[in-house]
């Protein structure tokens, strides 16, 4: 676990380089993201966000966008992966308080410890972003081992359930849970059987949980995504660039669902699919 208090950092930046698959990609204080201009407006000022899947580039992009919007960040990553020095350096440049935590978050006790550490170090919890993902494409059903199938379920849905259950005692009316789904649920992928099953569960979990928590006024939504431009999706799935979405274009969707802008949005599946569900490639 690493903690950093950066509010006193005088070197707040106006432009931030995000080191991902496309080196020119940036999230900046004011810049063009695709055809849209993204200008942080303190939408998450005073909020504390916990983001899982911190070893992924999407989670790091979301963490940076949240920090630019004024949030303090707890970013969780799989204990099997090395702590990302790059994301820590970028959060320090922004000037937010942040915390990095390693663990196995398919384990409920690990989730409880992460929540407790977040409360102790950052003071509260307002936003939970579930973005842990396991996806290993296989050509044939016989190639999917029992261990791989179990890992997909544990990472892609069990960890979401555990993290939400651990976080609920600390969330208040107006707070938000944002899950990460997948277009694979609507575009069935024969190479991703276990992944598709687990993401279908995320979509159903989101809708049911939104109803379950409606009386507490805690919003629950899911970002339904096509693959982003990341080294993992390009190398593993061999996606052409026109089939993927620039990494930074995901971040504003998470900001919207985490912020008061979505106060009357819950149980929604927000498609960030470049129109794929409507018009195809």
C-alpha atoms as a PDB file:
ATOM      1  CA  UNK A   1       0.000   0.000   0.000  1.00  0.00           C
ATOM      2  CA  UNK A   2       1.318   3.431  -0.946  1.00  0.00           C
ATOM      3  CA  UNK A   3      -0.264   6.709   0.090  1.00  0.00           C
ATOM      4  CA  UNK A   4       0.527  10.214  -1.054  1.00  0.00           C
ATOM      5  CA  UNK A   5      -0.795  13.611  -0.062  1.00  0.00           C
ATOM      6  CA  UNK A   6      -0.245  15.889  -3.027  1.00  0.00           C
ATOM      7  CA  UNK A   7      -2.595  18.785  -2.320  1.00  0.00           C
ATOM      8  CA  UNK A   8       0.389  20.866  -1.315  1.00  0.00           C
ATOM      9  CA  UNK A   9       2.143  20.198  -4.616  1.00  0.00           C
ATOM     10  CA  UNK A  10       2.656  23.638  -6.205  1.00  0.00           C
ATOM     11  CA  UNK A  11       3.327  22.229  -9.657  1.00  0.00           C
ATOM     12  CA  UNK A  12      -0.238  21.617 -10.777  1.00  0.00           C
ATOM     13  CA  UNK A  13      -0.231  20.788 -14.435  1.00  0.00           C
ATOM     14  CA  UNK A  14      -2.418  22.010 -17.244  1.00  0.00           C
ATOM     15  CA  UNK A  15      -1.422  19.268 -19.662  1.00  0.00           C
ATOM     16  CA  UNK A  16      -0.806  15.640 -18.810  1.00  0.00           C
ATOM     17  CA  UNK A  17       0.742  12.938 -20.979  1.00  0.00           C
ATOM     18  CA  UNK A  18      -0.904   9.547 -20.605  1.00  0.00           C
ATOM     19  CA  UNK A  19       1.545   6.836 -21.634  1.00  0.00           C
ATOM     20  CA  UNK A  20      -0.537   4.227 -23.382  1.00  0.00           C
ATOM     21  CA  UNK A  21      -0.624   2.413 -26.717  1.00  0.00           C
ATOM     22  CA  UNK A  22      -1.016   5.619 -28.741  1.00  0.00           C
ATOM     23  CA  UNK A  23       1.795   7.844 -27.381  1.00  0.00           C
ATOM     24  CA  UNK A  24       0.157  11.070 -28.552  1.00  0.00           C
ATOM     25  CA  UNK A  25      -2.897  10.466 -26.363  1.00  0.00           C
ATOM     26  CA  UNK A  26      -3.301  12.953 -23.530  1.00  0.00           C
ATOM     27  CA  UNK A  27      -5.853  13.938 -20.968  1.00  0.00           C
ATOM     28  CA  UNK A  28      -5.466  17.662 -20.502  1.00  0.00           C
ATOM     29  CA  UNK A  29      -7.093  20.507 -18.642  1.00  0.00           C
ATOM     30  CA  UNK A  30      -8.688  21.518 -21.940  1.00  0.00           C
ATOM     31  CA  UNK A  31      -8.283  19.536 -25.143  1.00  0.00           C
ATOM     32  CA  UNK A  32     -10.042  17.668 -27.906  1.00  0.00           C
ATOM     33  CA  UNK A  33     -11.008  14.073 -27.200  1.00  0.00           C
ATOM     34  CA  UNK A  34     -12.174  12.600 -30.462  1.00  0.00           C
ATOM     35  CA  UNK A  35     -14.730  15.108 -31.762  1.00  0.00           C
ATOM     36  CA  UNK A  36     -15.491  16.452 -28.291  1.00  0.00           C
ATOM     37  CA  UNK A  37     -13.718  18.992 -26.125  1.00  0.00           C
ATOM     38  CA  UNK A  38     -13.221  17.847 -22.555  1.00  0.00           C
ATOM     39  CA  UNK A  39     -12.754  20.569 -19.961  1.00  0.00           C
ATOM     40  CA  UNK A  40     -12.646  19.517 -16.292  1.00  0.00           C
ATOM     41  CA  UNK A  41     -15.105  21.537 -14.226  1.00  0.00           C
ATOM     42  CA  UNK A  42     -14.555  20.311 -10.657  1.00  0.00           C
ATOM     43  CA  UNK A  43     -17.455  17.880 -11.065  1.00  0.00           C
ATOM     44  CA  UNK A  44     -15.967  15.561  -8.450  1.00  0.00           C
ATOM     45  CA  UNK A  45     -14.535  18.179  -6.118  1.00  0.00           C
ATOM     46  CA  UNK A  46     -14.377  16.875  -2.557  1.00  0.00           C
ATOM     47  CA  UNK A  47     -15.208  13.312  -3.590  1.00  0.00           C
ATOM     48  CA  UNK A  48     -13.203  10.155  -2.918  1.00  0.00           C
ATOM     49  CA  UNK A  49     -13.211   7.485  -5.615  1.00  0.00           C
ATOM     50  CA  UNK A  50     -12.054   3.888  -5.359  1.00  0.00           C
ATOM     51  CA  UNK A  51     -11.131   2.359  -8.728  1.00  0.00           C
ATOM     52  CA  UNK A  52     -10.382  -1.335  -9.227  1.00  0.00           C
ATOM     53  CA  UNK A  53      -8.371  -2.876 -12.048  1.00  0.00           C
ATOM     54  CA  UNK A  54      -5.609  -0.342 -11.539  1.00  0.00           C
ATOM     55  CA  UNK A  55      -3.181  -2.433 -13.578  1.00  0.00           C
ATOM     56  CA  UNK A  56      -5.288  -1.652 -16.692  1.00  0.00           C
ATOM     57  CA  UNK A  57      -4.862   1.418 -18.846  1.00  0.00           C
ATOM     58  CA  UNK A  58      -8.595   2.184 -18.782  1.00  0.00           C
ATOM     59  CA  UNK A  59      -8.602   2.367 -14.971  1.00  0.00           C
ATOM     60  CA  UNK A  60      -5.587   4.647 -15.088  1.00  0.00           C
ATOM     61  CA  UNK A  61      -7.301   6.952 -17.594  1.00  0.00           C
ATOM     62  CA  UNK A  62     -10.404   7.074 -15.383  1.00  0.00           C
ATOM     63  CA  UNK A  63      -8.266   7.799 -12.316  1.00  0.00           C
ATOM     64  CA  UNK A  64      -6.572  10.694 -14.096  1.00  0.00           C
ATOM     65  CA  UNK A  65      -9.879  12.149 -15.303  1.00  0.00           C
ATOM     66  CA  UNK A  66     -11.386  11.862 -11.817  1.00  0.00           C
ATOM     67  CA  UNK A  67      -8.338  13.535 -10.295  1.00  0.00           C
ATOM     68  CA  UNK A  68      -8.542  16.373 -12.822  1.00  0.00           C
ATOM     69  CA  UNK A  69     -12.183  16.787 -11.775  1.00  0.00           C
ATOM     70  CA  UNK A  70     -11.093  17.249  -8.154  1.00  0.00           C
ATOM     71  CA  UNK A  71     -11.452  13.776  -6.638  1.00  0.00           C
ATOM     72  CA  UNK A  72      -9.022  11.986  -4.373  1.00  0.00           C
ATOM     73  CA  UNK A  73      -8.228   8.502  -5.604  1.00  0.00           C
ATOM     74  CA  UNK A  74      -7.735   5.000  -4.223  1.00  0.00           C
ATOM     75  CA  UNK A  75      -6.580   2.814  -7.091  1.00  0.00           C
ATOM     76  CA  UNK A  76      -6.569  -0.943  -6.558  1.00  0.00           C
ATOM     77  CA  UNK A  77      -4.561  -3.414  -8.572  1.00  0.00           C
ATOM     78  CA  UNK A  78      -4.078  -7.165  -8.698  1.00  0.00           C
ATOM     79  CA  UNK A  79      -1.356  -8.259  -6.307  1.00  0.00           C
ATOM     80  CA  UNK A  80       0.126 -10.377  -9.110  1.00  0.00           C
ATOM     81  CA  UNK A  81       1.118  -7.249 -11.019  1.00  0.00           C
ATOM     82  CA  UNK A  82       3.745  -4.659 -10.274  1.00  0.00           C
ATOM     83  CA  UNK A  83       2.578  -1.361  -8.858  1.00  0.00           C
ATOM     84  CA  UNK A  84       2.407   1.150 -11.713  1.00  0.00           C
ATOM     85  CA  UNK A  85       4.848   3.970 -11.058  1.00  0.00           C
ATOM     86  CA  UNK A  86       3.503   5.891 -14.048  1.00  0.00           C
ATOM     87  CA  UNK A  87       0.016   6.393 -12.644  1.00  0.00           C
ATOM     88  CA  UNK A  88       1.409   7.462  -9.285  1.00  0.00           C
ATOM     89  CA  UNK A  89       3.625  10.042 -10.969  1.00  0.00           C
ATOM     90  CA  UNK A  90       0.720  11.458 -12.961  1.00  0.00           C
ATOM     91  CA  UNK A  91      -1.584  11.691  -9.948  1.00  0.00           C
ATOM     92  CA  UNK A  92       1.170  13.531  -8.096  1.00  0.00           C
ATOM     93  CA  UNK A  93       1.460  16.012 -10.961  1.00  0.00           C
ATOM     94  CA  UNK A  94      -2.267  16.688 -10.830  1.00  0.00           C
ATOM     95  CA  UNK A  95      -2.039  17.360  -7.111  1.00  0.00           C
ATOM     96  CA  UNK A  96      -4.604  15.020  -5.585  1.00  0.00           C
ATOM     97  CA  UNK A  97      -4.452  12.801  -2.539  1.00  0.00           C
ATOM     98  CA  UNK A  98      -4.135   9.227  -3.663  1.00  0.00           C
ATOM     99  CA  UNK A  99      -3.637   5.705  -2.410  1.00  0.00           C
ATOM    100  CA  UNK A 100      -2.569   2.531  -4.220  1.00  0.00           C
ATOM    101  CA  UNK A 101      -3.537  -0.862  -2.820  1.00  0.00           C
ATOM    102  CA  UNK A 102      -2.604  -4.355  -4.002  1.00  0.00           C
ATOM    103  CA  UNK A 103      -4.746  -7.390  -3.304  1.00  0.00           C
ATOM    104  CA  UNK A 104      -6.868 -10.274  -4.521  1.00  0.00           C
ATOM    105  CA  UNK A 105     -10.247  -8.569  -4.736  1.00  0.00           C
ATOM    106  CA  UNK A 106     -12.204 -11.684  -5.571  1.00  0.00           C
ATOM    107  CA  UNK A 107     -11.673 -12.236  -1.844  1.00  0.00           C
ATOM    108  CA  UNK A 108     -14.202 -10.371   0.301  1.00  0.00           C
ATOM    109  CA  UNK A 109     -11.782  -9.784   3.188  1.00  0.00           C
ATOM    110  CA  UNK A 110      -9.315  -8.132   0.805  1.00  0.00           C
ATOM    111  CA  UNK A 111     -12.091  -5.814  -0.361  1.00  0.00           C
ATOM    112  CA  UNK A 112     -12.942  -4.916   3.233  1.00  0.00           C
ATOM    113  CA  UNK A 113      -9.303  -4.129   3.980  1.00  0.00           C
ATOM    114  CA  UNK A 114      -9.051  -1.932   0.887  1.00  0.00           C
ATOM    115  CA  UNK A 115     -12.180   0.002   1.862  1.00  0.00           C
ATOM    116  CA  UNK A 116     -10.935   0.453   5.422  1.00  0.00           C
ATOM    117  CA  UNK A 117      -7.550   1.708   4.191  1.00  0.00           C
ATOM    118  CA  UNK A 118      -9.300   4.168   1.896  1.00  0.00           C
ATOM    119  CA  UNK A 119     -11.428   5.519   4.743  1.00  0.00           C
ATOM    120  CA  UNK A 120      -8.416   5.853   7.041  1.00  0.00           C
ATOM    121  CA  UNK A 121      -6.165   7.559   4.479  1.00  0.00           C
ATOM    122  CA  UNK A 122      -8.672   9.598   2.454  1.00  0.00           C
ATOM    123  CA  UNK A 123     -11.427  10.133   5.013  1.00  0.00           C
ATOM    124  CA  UNK A 124     -14.504   8.817   3.209  1.00  0.00           C
ATOM    125  CA  UNK A 125     -15.798   7.044   0.115  1.00  0.00           C
ATOM    126  CA  UNK A 126     -18.235   8.412  -2.479  1.00  0.00           C
ATOM    127  CA  UNK A 127     -17.580   6.545  -5.725  1.00  0.00           C
ATOM    128  CA  UNK A 128     -16.777   2.911  -6.510  1.00  0.00           C
ATOM    129  CA  UNK A 129     -15.593   2.053 -10.024  1.00  0.00           C
ATOM    130  CA  UNK A 130     -15.424  -1.671 -10.744  1.00  0.00           C
ATOM    131  CA  UNK A 131     -13.105  -2.209 -13.703  1.00  0.00           C
ATOM    132  CA  UNK A 132     -11.174  -5.386 -12.886  1.00  0.00           C
ATOM    133  CA  UNK A 133     -11.164  -7.562 -16.007  1.00  0.00           C
ATOM    134  CA  UNK A 134      -9.877 -10.954 -17.087  1.00  0.00           C
ATOM    135  CA  UNK A 135     -10.097 -11.909 -20.764  1.00  0.00           C
ATOM    136  CA  UNK A 136      -8.141 -14.707 -22.453  1.00  0.00           C
ATOM    137  CA  UNK A 137      -9.492 -15.509 -25.938  1.00  0.00           C
ATOM    138  CA  UNK A 138      -9.542 -19.202 -26.874  1.00  0.00           C
ATOM    139  CA  UNK A 139     -10.347 -20.794 -30.214  1.00  0.00           C
ATOM    140  CA  UNK A 140     -12.219 -23.822 -28.872  1.00  0.00           C
ATOM    141  CA  UNK A 141     -14.345 -24.633 -25.859  1.00  0.00           C
ATOM    142  CA  UNK A 142     -11.910 -27.409 -24.988  1.00  0.00           C
ATOM    143  CA  UNK A 143      -9.142 -24.812 -24.676  1.00  0.00           C
ATOM    144  CA  UNK A 144     -10.908 -23.034 -21.813  1.00  0.00           C
ATOM    145  CA  UNK A 145      -9.740 -24.656 -18.619  1.00  0.00           C
ATOM    146  CA  UNK A 146     -11.860 -24.839 -15.503  1.00  0.00           C
ATOM    147  CA  UNK A 147      -9.342 -22.525 -13.854  1.00  0.00           C
ATOM    148  CA  UNK A 148      -9.648 -19.933 -16.636  1.00  0.00           C
ATOM    149  CA  UNK A 149     -13.450 -20.002 -16.490  1.00  0.00           C
ATOM    150  CA  UNK A 150     -13.401 -19.634 -12.717  1.00  0.00           C
ATOM    151  CA  UNK A 151     -10.906 -16.783 -12.900  1.00  0.00           C
ATOM    152  CA  UNK A 152     -13.088 -14.917 -15.417  1.00  0.00           C
ATOM    153  CA  UNK A 153     -16.079 -15.180 -13.085  1.00  0.00           C
ATOM    154  CA  UNK A 154     -14.082 -14.294  -9.976  1.00  0.00           C
ATOM    155  CA  UNK A 155     -12.443 -11.263 -11.581  1.00  0.00           C
ATOM    156  CA  UNK A 156     -15.261  -9.965 -13.755  1.00  0.00           C
ATOM    157  CA  UNK A 157     -18.259 -10.357 -11.443  1.00  0.00           C
ATOM    158  CA  UNK A 158     -17.425 -11.854  -8.023  1.00  0.00           C
ATOM    159  CA  UNK A 159     -14.922  -9.067  -7.293  1.00  0.00           C
ATOM    160  CA  UNK A 160     -17.576  -6.491  -8.261  1.00  0.00           C
ATOM    161  CA  UNK A 161     -20.078  -8.006  -5.834  1.00  0.00           C
ATOM    162  CA  UNK A 162     -17.490  -8.214  -3.054  1.00  0.00           C
ATOM    163  CA  UNK A 163     -16.291  -4.630  -3.525  1.00  0.00           C
ATOM    164  CA  UNK A 164     -19.812  -3.225  -3.508  1.00  0.00           C
ATOM    165  CA  UNK A 165     -20.784  -5.251  -0.449  1.00  0.00           C
ATOM    166  CA  UNK A 166     -17.689  -4.020   1.401  1.00  0.00           C
ATOM    167  CA  UNK A 167     -18.297  -0.403   0.342  1.00  0.00           C
ATOM    168  CA  UNK A 168     -22.029  -0.112   1.065  1.00  0.00           C
ATOM    169  CA  UNK A 169     -21.689   0.721   4.801  1.00  0.00           C
ATOM    170  CA  UNK A 170     -19.668   3.819   3.839  1.00  0.00           C
ATOM    171  CA  UNK A 171     -21.736   5.102   0.903  1.00  0.00           C
ATOM    172  CA  UNK A 172     -24.378   7.786   1.377  1.00  0.00           C
ATOM    173  CA  UNK A 173     -27.320   9.147  -0.629  1.00  0.00           C
ATOM    174  CA  UNK A 174     -26.019  10.717  -3.831  1.00  0.00           C
ATOM    175  CA  UNK A 175     -22.991   8.448  -4.053  1.00  0.00           C
ATOM    176  CA  UNK A 176     -22.342   6.276  -7.082  1.00  0.00           C
ATOM    177  CA  UNK A 177     -21.227   2.840  -8.226  1.00  0.00           C
ATOM    178  CA  UNK A 178     -19.965   2.520 -11.808  1.00  0.00           C
ATOM    179  CA  UNK A 179     -19.317  -0.914 -13.285  1.00  0.00           C
ATOM    180  CA  UNK A 180     -17.611  -1.828 -16.542  1.00  0.00           C
ATOM    181  CA  UNK A 181     -19.545  -4.023 -18.937  1.00  0.00           C
ATOM    182  CA  UNK A 182     -18.789  -5.045 -22.503  1.00  0.00           C
ATOM    183  CA  UNK A 183     -20.252  -4.945 -25.974  1.00  0.00           C
ATOM    184  CA  UNK A 184     -19.453  -8.672 -26.103  1.00  0.00           C
ATOM    185  CA  UNK A 185     -22.788  -9.250 -24.354  1.00  0.00           C
ATOM    186  CA  UNK A 186     -24.604  -7.898 -27.419  1.00  0.00           C
ATOM    187  CA  UNK A 187     -22.030  -9.029 -29.981  1.00  0.00           C
ATOM    188  CA  UNK A 188     -21.437 -12.600 -28.908  1.00  0.00           C
ATOM    189  CA  UNK A 189     -17.775 -13.443 -29.397  1.00  0.00           C
ATOM    190  CA  UNK A 190     -16.970 -17.131 -29.944  1.00  0.00           C
ATOM    191  CA  UNK A 191     -13.395 -16.574 -28.752  1.00  0.00           C
ATOM    192  CA  UNK A 192     -14.514 -15.039 -25.448  1.00  0.00           C
ATOM    193  CA  UNK A 193     -17.080 -17.452 -24.034  1.00  0.00           C
ATOM    194  CA  UNK A 194     -16.095 -17.092 -20.383  1.00  0.00           C
ATOM    195  CA  UNK A 195     -15.652 -13.323 -20.692  1.00  0.00           C
ATOM    196  CA  UNK A 196     -19.068 -12.884 -22.340  1.00  0.00           C
ATOM    197  CA  UNK A 197     -20.820 -14.919 -19.648  1.00  0.00           C
ATOM    198  CA  UNK A 198     -19.186 -12.909 -16.862  1.00  0.00           C
ATOM    199  CA  UNK A 199     -19.976  -9.546 -18.474  1.00  0.00           C
ATOM    200  CA  UNK A 200     -23.607 -10.534 -18.993  1.00  0.00           C
ATOM    201  CA  UNK A 201     -23.657 -11.075 -15.242  1.00  0.00           C
ATOM    202  CA  UNK A 202     -22.291  -7.554 -14.717  1.00  0.00           C
ATOM    203  CA  UNK A 203     -25.118  -6.052 -16.769  1.00  0.00           C
ATOM    204  CA  UNK A 204     -27.772  -7.963 -14.816  1.00  0.00           C
ATOM    205  CA  UNK A 205     -26.029  -7.203 -11.519  1.00  0.00           C
ATOM    206  CA  UNK A 206     -26.117  -3.481 -12.326  1.00  0.00           C
ATOM    207  CA  UNK A 207     -29.854  -3.420 -13.004  1.00  0.00           C
ATOM    208  CA  UNK A 208     -30.764  -5.509  -9.978  1.00  0.00           C
ATOM    209  CA  UNK A 209     -28.422  -3.604  -7.662  1.00  0.00           C
ATOM    210  CA  UNK A 210     -29.812  -0.258  -8.842  1.00  0.00           C
ATOM    211  CA  UNK A 211     -33.267  -1.367  -7.709  1.00  0.00           C
ATOM    212  CA  UNK A 212     -31.873  -2.831  -4.492  1.00  0.00           C
ATOM    213  CA  UNK A 213     -30.165   0.436  -3.544  1.00  0.00           C
ATOM    214  CA  UNK A 214     -32.797   2.843  -4.859  1.00  0.00           C
ATOM    215  CA  UNK A 215     -34.238   3.496  -1.401  1.00  0.00           C
ATOM    216  CA  UNK A 216     -30.745   4.526  -0.247  1.00  0.00           C
ATOM    217  CA  UNK A 217     -30.391   6.886  -3.239  1.00  0.00           C
ATOM    218  CA  UNK A 218     -27.138   5.273  -4.336  1.00  0.00           C
ATOM    219  CA  UNK A 219     -26.841   5.201  -8.123  1.00  0.00           C
ATOM    220  CA  UNK A 220     -25.596   2.099  -9.953  1.00  0.00           C
ATOM    221  CA  UNK A 221     -24.718   2.187 -13.650  1.00  0.00           C
ATOM    222  CA  UNK A 222     -22.488   0.428 -16.160  1.00  0.00           C
ATOM    223  CA  UNK A 223     -20.298   1.679 -18.987  1.00  0.00           C
ATOM    224  CA  UNK A 224     -20.726  -0.723 -21.914  1.00  0.00           C
ATOM    225  CA  UNK A 225     -17.560  -0.537 -23.914  1.00  0.00           C
ATOM    226  CA  UNK A 226     -15.978  -1.638 -27.103  1.00  0.00           C
ATOM    227  CA  UNK A 227     -12.287  -2.468 -26.702  1.00  0.00           C
ATOM    228  CA  UNK A 228     -10.081   0.573 -26.212  1.00  0.00           C
ATOM    229  CA  UNK A 229      -6.741   1.347 -27.824  1.00  0.00           C
ATOM    230  CA  UNK A 230      -4.564  -0.476 -25.313  1.00  0.00           C
ATOM    231  CA  UNK A 231      -1.562  -2.717 -25.699  1.00  0.00           C
ATOM    232  CA  UNK A 232      -3.582  -5.618 -24.261  1.00  0.00           C
ATOM    233  CA  UNK A 233      -6.521  -5.422 -26.662  1.00  0.00           C
ATOM    234  CA  UNK A 234      -4.406  -4.786 -29.713  1.00  0.00           C
ATOM    235  CA  UNK A 235      -1.974  -7.629 -29.061  1.00  0.00           C
ATOM    236  CA  UNK A 236      -4.402 -10.233 -27.712  1.00  0.00           C
ATOM    237  CA  UNK A 237      -7.409  -9.639 -29.922  1.00  0.00           C
ATOM    238  CA  UNK A 238      -5.604  -8.253 -32.977  1.00  0.00           C
ATOM    239  CA  UNK A 239      -8.117  -5.437 -33.336  1.00  0.00           C
ATOM    240  CA  UNK A 240      -7.744  -2.931 -36.117  1.00  0.00           C
ATOM    241  CA  UNK A 241      -7.750   0.707 -35.049  1.00  0.00           C
ATOM    242  CA  UNK A 242     -11.172   1.448 -36.574  1.00  0.00           C
ATOM    243  CA  UNK A 243     -12.689  -1.280 -34.420  1.00  0.00           C
ATOM    244  CA  UNK A 244     -11.425   0.232 -31.174  1.00  0.00           C
ATOM    245  CA  UNK A 245     -12.068   3.457 -29.306  1.00  0.00           C
ATOM    246  CA  UNK A 246      -9.371   5.906 -28.156  1.00  0.00           C
ATOM    247  CA  UNK A 247      -8.627   5.229 -24.510  1.00  0.00           C
ATOM    248  CA  UNK A 248      -9.458   8.728 -23.336  1.00  0.00           C
ATOM    249  CA  UNK A 249     -12.949   8.650 -24.811  1.00  0.00           C
ATOM    250  CA  UNK A 250     -13.991   6.277 -22.042  1.00  0.00           C
ATOM    251  CA  UNK A 251     -13.083   8.622 -19.193  1.00  0.00           C
ATOM    252  CA  UNK A 252     -15.858  11.248 -19.637  1.00  0.00           C
ATOM    253  CA  UNK A 253     -18.501   8.503 -19.448  1.00  0.00           C
ATOM    254  CA  UNK A 254     -17.217   7.433 -16.046  1.00  0.00           C
ATOM    255  CA  UNK A 255     -17.046  11.067 -14.911  1.00  0.00           C
ATOM    256  CA  UNK A 256     -20.674  11.592 -15.952  1.00  0.00           C
ATOM    257  CA  UNK A 257     -21.940   8.513 -14.106  1.00  0.00           C
ATOM    258  CA  UNK A 258     -19.906   9.360 -10.993  1.00  0.00           C
ATOM    259  CA  UNK A 259     -20.901  13.023 -10.849  1.00  0.00           C
ATOM    260  CA  UNK A 260     -24.096  14.879  -9.889  1.00  0.00           C
ATOM    261  CA  UNK A 261     -24.762  15.285 -13.629  1.00  0.00           C
ATOM    262  CA  UNK A 262     -26.275  11.783 -13.468  1.00  0.00           C
ATOM    263  CA  UNK A 263     -28.327  12.276 -10.303  1.00  0.00           C
ATOM    264  CA  UNK A 264     -31.409  10.817 -11.996  1.00  0.00           C
ATOM    265  CA  UNK A 265     -29.619   8.022 -13.858  1.00  0.00           C
ATOM    266  CA  UNK A 266     -29.505   4.577 -12.279  1.00  0.00           C
ATOM    267  CA  UNK A 267     -29.689   1.049 -13.618  1.00  0.00           C
ATOM    268  CA  UNK A 268     -28.433   2.307 -16.981  1.00  0.00           C
ATOM    269  CA  UNK A 269     -26.082   0.643 -19.443  1.00  0.00           C
ATOM    270  CA  UNK A 270     -24.246   3.531 -21.118  1.00  0.00           C
ATOM    271  CA  UNK A 271     -22.928   2.447 -24.516  1.00  0.00           C
ATOM    272  CA  UNK A 272     -19.490   3.731 -25.535  1.00  0.00           C
ATOM    273  CA  UNK A 273     -19.367   1.655 -28.687  1.00  0.00           C
ATOM    274  CA  UNK A 274     -18.759   4.094 -31.559  1.00  0.00           C
ATOM    275  CA  UNK A 275     -22.279   3.356 -32.810  1.00  0.00           C
ATOM    276  CA  UNK A 276     -21.551  -0.330 -33.241  1.00  0.00           C
ATOM    277  CA  UNK A 277     -24.861  -1.472 -31.760  1.00  0.00           C
ATOM    278  CA  UNK A 278     -26.719   0.721 -34.241  1.00  0.00           C
ATOM    279  CA  UNK A 279     -24.737   0.915 -37.456  1.00  0.00           C
ATOM    280  CA  UNK A 280     -22.087  -1.800 -37.293  1.00  0.00           C
ATOM    281  CA  UNK A 281     -18.532  -1.330 -38.526  1.00  0.00           C
END
